[in-house]
Amino acid sequence: MIGECFLCHQIGALEKHHIFGGSNRKNSEKYGLVVYLCHACHNEPPDGAHHNAKTMKALHQYGQKKAMREQGWTKEAFREIFHKNYI
């Protein structure tokens, strides 16, 4: 897919990133908690989302706020599905 990277805003080839991975990957997909990133922002050290705790924390916070806003959830409702509060 060609478009604008969610993090660096560079135009080019993008990769789909599930904000909440692992056991929550399916829930990320179900609730639209995905962003599109260039390869560097997605999976290259030191700043890529899969290598940088600060980047991942920012994405988790963004994802939780987005889910709560779009689904009308409280923090507790979010935690019931994703098992953690990120904000």
N, C-alpha and C. Protein backbone atom coordinates (compact mmCIF):
# COMPACT_ATOMS: atom_id res chain seq x y z
N MET A 1 0.85 -1.18 0.00
CA MET A 1 0.00 0.00 0.00
C MET A 1 0.89 1.25 0.00
N ILE A 2 0.52 2.22 -0.77
CA ILE A 2 1.24 3.49 -0.84
C ILE A 2 0.39 4.54 -0.11
N GLY A 3 1.03 5.32 0.72
CA GLY A 3 0.32 6.37 1.45
C GLY A 3 1.27 7.11 2.36
N GLU A 4 0.70 7.77 3.38
CA GLU A 4 1.48 8.58 4.31
C GLU A 4 1.67 7.84 5.63
N CYS A 5 2.90 7.75 6.09
CA CYS A 5 3.23 7.09 7.35
C CYS A 5 2.56 7.85 8.50
N PHE A 6 1.91 7.11 9.37
CA PHE A 6 1.23 7.69 10.52
C PHE A 6 2.18 8.45 11.43
N LEU A 7 3.44 8.00 11.53
CA LEU A 7 4.39 8.62 12.45
C LEU A 7 5.24 9.71 11.82
N CYS A 8 5.89 9.44 10.71
CA CYS A 8 6.83 10.41 10.14
C CYS A 8 6.24 11.20 8.97
N HIS A 9 5.07 10.78 8.50
CA HIS A 9 4.33 11.45 7.43
C HIS A 9 5.00 11.37 6.06
N GLN A 10 6.01 10.52 5.95
CA GLN A 10 6.65 10.30 4.65
C GLN A 10 5.68 9.55 3.74
N ILE A 11 5.69 9.90 2.48
CA ILE A 11 4.85 9.22 1.49
C ILE A 11 5.66 8.07 0.89
N GLY A 12 5.04 6.90 0.82
CA GLY A 12 5.71 5.74 0.24
C GLY A 12 4.98 4.46 0.60
N ALA A 13 5.71 3.35 0.47
CA ALA A 13 5.15 2.04 0.80
C ALA A 13 4.91 1.95 2.31
N LEU A 14 3.76 1.41 2.68
CA LEU A 14 3.39 1.31 4.08
C LEU A 14 3.15 -0.13 4.51
N GLU A 15 3.33 -0.36 5.80
CA GLU A 15 3.09 -1.66 6.41
C GLU A 15 2.03 -1.49 7.49
N LYS A 16 1.13 -2.46 7.59
CA LYS A 16 0.07 -2.42 8.59
C LYS A 16 0.63 -2.79 9.96
N HIS A 17 0.38 -1.94 10.96
CA HIS A 17 0.83 -2.21 12.33
C HIS A 17 -0.38 -2.31 13.24
N HIS A 18 -0.53 -3.46 13.89
CA HIS A 18 -1.59 -3.65 14.89
C HIS A 18 -1.11 -3.01 16.18
N ILE A 19 -1.83 -2.00 16.65
CA ILE A 19 -1.39 -1.26 17.83
C ILE A 19 -1.26 -2.17 19.03
N PHE A 20 -2.18 -3.08 19.20
CA PHE A 20 -2.11 -4.05 20.29
C PHE A 20 -1.88 -5.42 19.67
N GLY A 21 -0.68 -5.92 19.83
CA GLY A 21 -0.30 -7.18 19.18
C GLY A 21 -0.49 -8.37 20.09
N GLY A 22 0.19 -9.44 19.74
CA GLY A 22 0.13 -10.67 20.53
C GLY A 22 -1.29 -11.18 20.60
N SER A 23 -1.74 -11.48 21.82
CA SER A 23 -3.09 -12.03 22.01
C SER A 23 -4.18 -11.01 21.68
N ASN A 24 -3.83 -9.74 21.55
CA ASN A 24 -4.81 -8.70 21.23
C ASN A 24 -4.81 -8.29 19.76
N ARG A 25 -4.04 -9.01 18.96
CA ARG A 25 -3.97 -8.68 17.53
C ARG A 25 -5.35 -8.74 16.87
N LYS A 26 -6.12 -9.78 17.18
CA LYS A 26 -7.46 -9.91 16.58
C LYS A 26 -8.38 -8.77 17.04
N ASN A 27 -8.25 -8.36 18.30
CA ASN A 27 -9.05 -7.23 18.78
C ASN A 27 -8.63 -5.93 18.13
N SER A 28 -7.33 -5.76 17.88
CA SER A 28 -6.87 -4.58 17.16
C SER A 28 -7.52 -4.52 15.78
N GLU A 29 -7.56 -5.65 15.11
CA GLU A 29 -8.18 -5.73 13.79
C GLU A 29 -9.69 -5.45 13.89
N LYS A 30 -10.34 -6.10 14.84
CA LYS A 30 -11.79 -5.99 15.00
C LYS A 30 -12.23 -4.54 15.24
N TYR A 31 -11.48 -3.81 16.06
CA TYR A 31 -11.87 -2.46 16.43
C TYR A 31 -11.15 -1.37 15.63
N GLY A 32 -10.43 -1.75 14.59
CA GLY A 32 -9.77 -0.77 13.73
C GLY A 32 -8.60 -0.07 14.38
N LEU A 33 -7.93 -0.77 15.29
CA LEU A 33 -6.80 -0.19 16.00
C LEU A 33 -5.51 -0.59 15.30
N VAL A 34 -5.40 -0.12 14.09
CA VAL A 34 -4.23 -0.36 13.26
C VAL A 34 -3.79 0.98 12.68
N VAL A 35 -2.51 1.10 12.43
CA VAL A 35 -1.97 2.28 11.76
C VAL A 35 -1.06 1.78 10.65
N TYR A 36 -0.80 2.64 9.69
CA TYR A 36 0.08 2.28 8.58
C TYR A 36 1.37 3.07 8.71
N LEU A 37 2.46 2.33 8.71
CA LEU A 37 3.78 2.91 8.95
C LEU A 37 4.73 2.57 7.82
N CYS A 38 5.68 3.47 7.56
CA CYS A 38 6.77 3.12 6.64
C CYS A 38 7.61 2.04 7.32
N HIS A 39 8.44 1.37 6.57
CA HIS A 39 9.22 0.27 7.14
C HIS A 39 10.12 0.75 8.28
N ALA A 40 10.74 1.89 8.14
CA ALA A 40 11.64 2.40 9.19
C ALA A 40 10.88 2.64 10.49
N CYS A 41 9.72 3.26 10.41
CA CYS A 41 8.94 3.54 11.62
C CYS A 41 8.29 2.28 12.18
N HIS A 42 8.13 1.27 11.35
CA HIS A 42 7.49 0.05 11.79
C HIS A 42 8.47 -0.93 12.43
N ASN A 43 9.55 -1.22 11.73
CA ASN A 43 10.33 -2.38 12.16
C ASN A 43 11.83 -2.22 12.04
N GLU A 44 12.33 -1.01 12.16
CA GLU A 44 13.78 -0.81 12.12
C GLU A 44 14.26 -0.17 13.41
N PRO A 45 15.30 -0.73 14.01
CA PRO A 45 15.87 -0.11 15.21
C PRO A 45 16.56 1.20 14.82
N PRO A 46 16.69 2.15 15.68
CA PRO A 46 16.26 2.10 17.08
C PRO A 46 14.87 2.67 17.32
N ASP A 47 14.26 3.32 16.31
CA ASP A 47 13.02 4.04 16.56
C ASP A 47 11.75 3.34 16.09
N GLY A 48 11.88 2.25 15.35
CA GLY A 48 10.70 1.55 14.86
C GLY A 48 9.81 1.07 16.00
N ALA A 49 8.52 1.02 15.73
CA ALA A 49 7.54 0.67 16.76
C ALA A 49 7.85 -0.65 17.47
N HIS A 50 8.40 -1.60 16.76
CA HIS A 50 8.70 -2.90 17.38
C HIS A 50 10.02 -2.90 18.15
N HIS A 51 10.71 -1.78 18.16
CA HIS A 51 12.02 -1.71 18.83
C HIS A 51 12.13 -0.57 19.84
N ASN A 52 11.13 0.27 19.94
CA ASN A 52 11.25 1.48 20.74
C ASN A 52 10.08 1.59 21.70
N ALA A 53 10.35 1.49 22.99
CA ALA A 53 9.30 1.52 24.01
C ALA A 53 8.53 2.83 24.01
N LYS A 54 9.20 3.94 23.76
CA LYS A 54 8.54 5.24 23.75
C LYS A 54 7.54 5.33 22.60
N THR A 55 7.94 4.86 21.42
CA THR A 55 7.04 4.85 20.27
C THR A 55 5.85 3.95 20.53
N MET A 56 6.10 2.76 21.07
CA MET A 56 5.02 1.81 21.34
C MET A 56 4.06 2.38 22.40
N LYS A 57 4.60 3.03 23.42
CA LYS A 57 3.75 3.62 24.45
C LYS A 57 2.83 4.68 23.84
N ALA A 58 3.38 5.52 22.98
CA ALA A 58 2.57 6.56 22.33
C ALA A 58 1.47 5.93 21.47
N LEU A 59 1.80 4.87 20.75
CA LEU A 59 0.79 4.19 19.93
C LEU A 59 -0.28 3.53 20.80
N HIS A 60 0.13 2.91 21.91
CA HIS A 60 -0.84 2.30 22.82
C HIS A 60 -1.79 3.35 23.38
N GLN A 61 -1.27 4.48 23.78
CA GLN A 61 -2.12 5.54 24.32
C GLN A 61 -3.07 6.07 23.25
N TYR A 62 -2.55 6.28 22.05
CA TYR A 62 -3.39 6.71 20.94
C TYR A 62 -4.50 5.68 20.69
N GLY A 63 -4.13 4.41 20.63
CA GLY A 63 -5.09 3.34 20.35
C GLY A 63 -6.17 3.25 21.41
N GLN A 64 -5.79 3.36 22.67
CA GLN A 64 -6.80 3.28 23.74
C GLN A 64 -7.75 4.47 23.66
N LYS A 65 -7.24 5.66 23.47
CA LYS A 65 -8.10 6.84 23.38
C LYS A 65 -9.04 6.74 22.18
N LYS A 66 -8.52 6.24 21.06
CA LYS A 66 -9.33 6.06 19.86
C LYS A 66 -10.45 5.06 20.12
N ALA A 67 -10.11 3.93 20.73
CA ALA A 67 -11.11 2.90 21.02
C ALA A 67 -12.17 3.43 21.99
N MET A 68 -11.75 4.11 23.03
CA MET A 68 -12.70 4.63 24.01
C MET A 68 -13.63 5.65 23.37
N ARG A 69 -13.09 6.51 22.53
CA ARG A 69 -13.90 7.53 21.86
C ARG A 69 -14.88 6.88 20.87
N GLU A 70 -14.38 5.98 20.04
CA GLU A 70 -15.22 5.40 18.98
C GLU A 70 -16.22 4.39 19.52
N GLN A 71 -15.87 3.65 20.57
CA GLN A 71 -16.74 2.62 21.11
C GLN A 71 -17.58 3.11 22.29
N GLY A 72 -17.26 4.30 22.80
CA GLY A 72 -17.98 4.81 23.96
C GLY A 72 -17.61 4.08 25.24
N TRP A 73 -16.38 3.55 25.29
CA TRP A 73 -15.94 2.78 26.44
C TRP A 73 -15.34 3.66 27.53
N THR A 74 -15.42 3.16 28.75
CA THR A 74 -14.67 3.70 29.87
C THR A 74 -13.30 3.01 29.88
N LYS A 75 -12.42 3.46 30.76
CA LYS A 75 -11.13 2.77 30.91
C LYS A 75 -11.35 1.33 31.33
N GLU A 76 -12.33 1.11 32.19
CA GLU A 76 -12.61 -0.25 32.67
C GLU A 76 -13.10 -1.14 31.53
N ALA A 77 -13.95 -0.61 30.68
CA ALA A 77 -14.44 -1.39 29.53
C ALA A 77 -13.29 -1.73 28.58
N PHE A 78 -12.40 -0.78 28.35
CA PHE A 78 -11.24 -1.04 27.51
C PHE A 78 -10.40 -2.16 28.13
N ARG A 79 -10.16 -2.05 29.42
CA ARG A 79 -9.33 -3.03 30.13
C ARG A 79 -9.94 -4.44 30.08
N GLU A 80 -11.26 -4.53 30.09
CA GLU A 80 -11.91 -5.85 30.00
C GLU A 80 -11.54 -6.57 28.72
N ILE A 81 -11.35 -5.83 27.64
CA ILE A 81 -11.03 -6.44 26.35
C ILE A 81 -9.53 -6.56 26.13
N PHE A 82 -8.78 -5.50 26.45
CA PHE A 82 -7.36 -5.46 26.15
C PHE A 82 -6.46 -5.75 27.36
N HIS A 83 -7.06 -5.95 28.53
CA HIS A 83 -6.39 -6.42 29.74
C HIS A 83 -5.37 -5.47 30.35
N LYS A 84 -5.37 -4.21 29.91
CA LYS A 84 -4.42 -3.24 30.45
C LYS A 84 -4.92 -1.84 30.16
N ASN A 85 -4.57 -0.91 31.02
CA ASN A 85 -4.88 0.50 30.81
C ASN A 85 -3.58 1.18 30.42
N TYR A 86 -3.58 1.90 29.32
CA TYR A 86 -2.37 2.54 28.81
C TYR A 86 -2.37 4.06 29.05
N ILE A 87 -3.47 4.61 29.58
CA ILE A 87 -3.51 6.05 29.81
C ILE A 87 -3.77 6.35 31.29
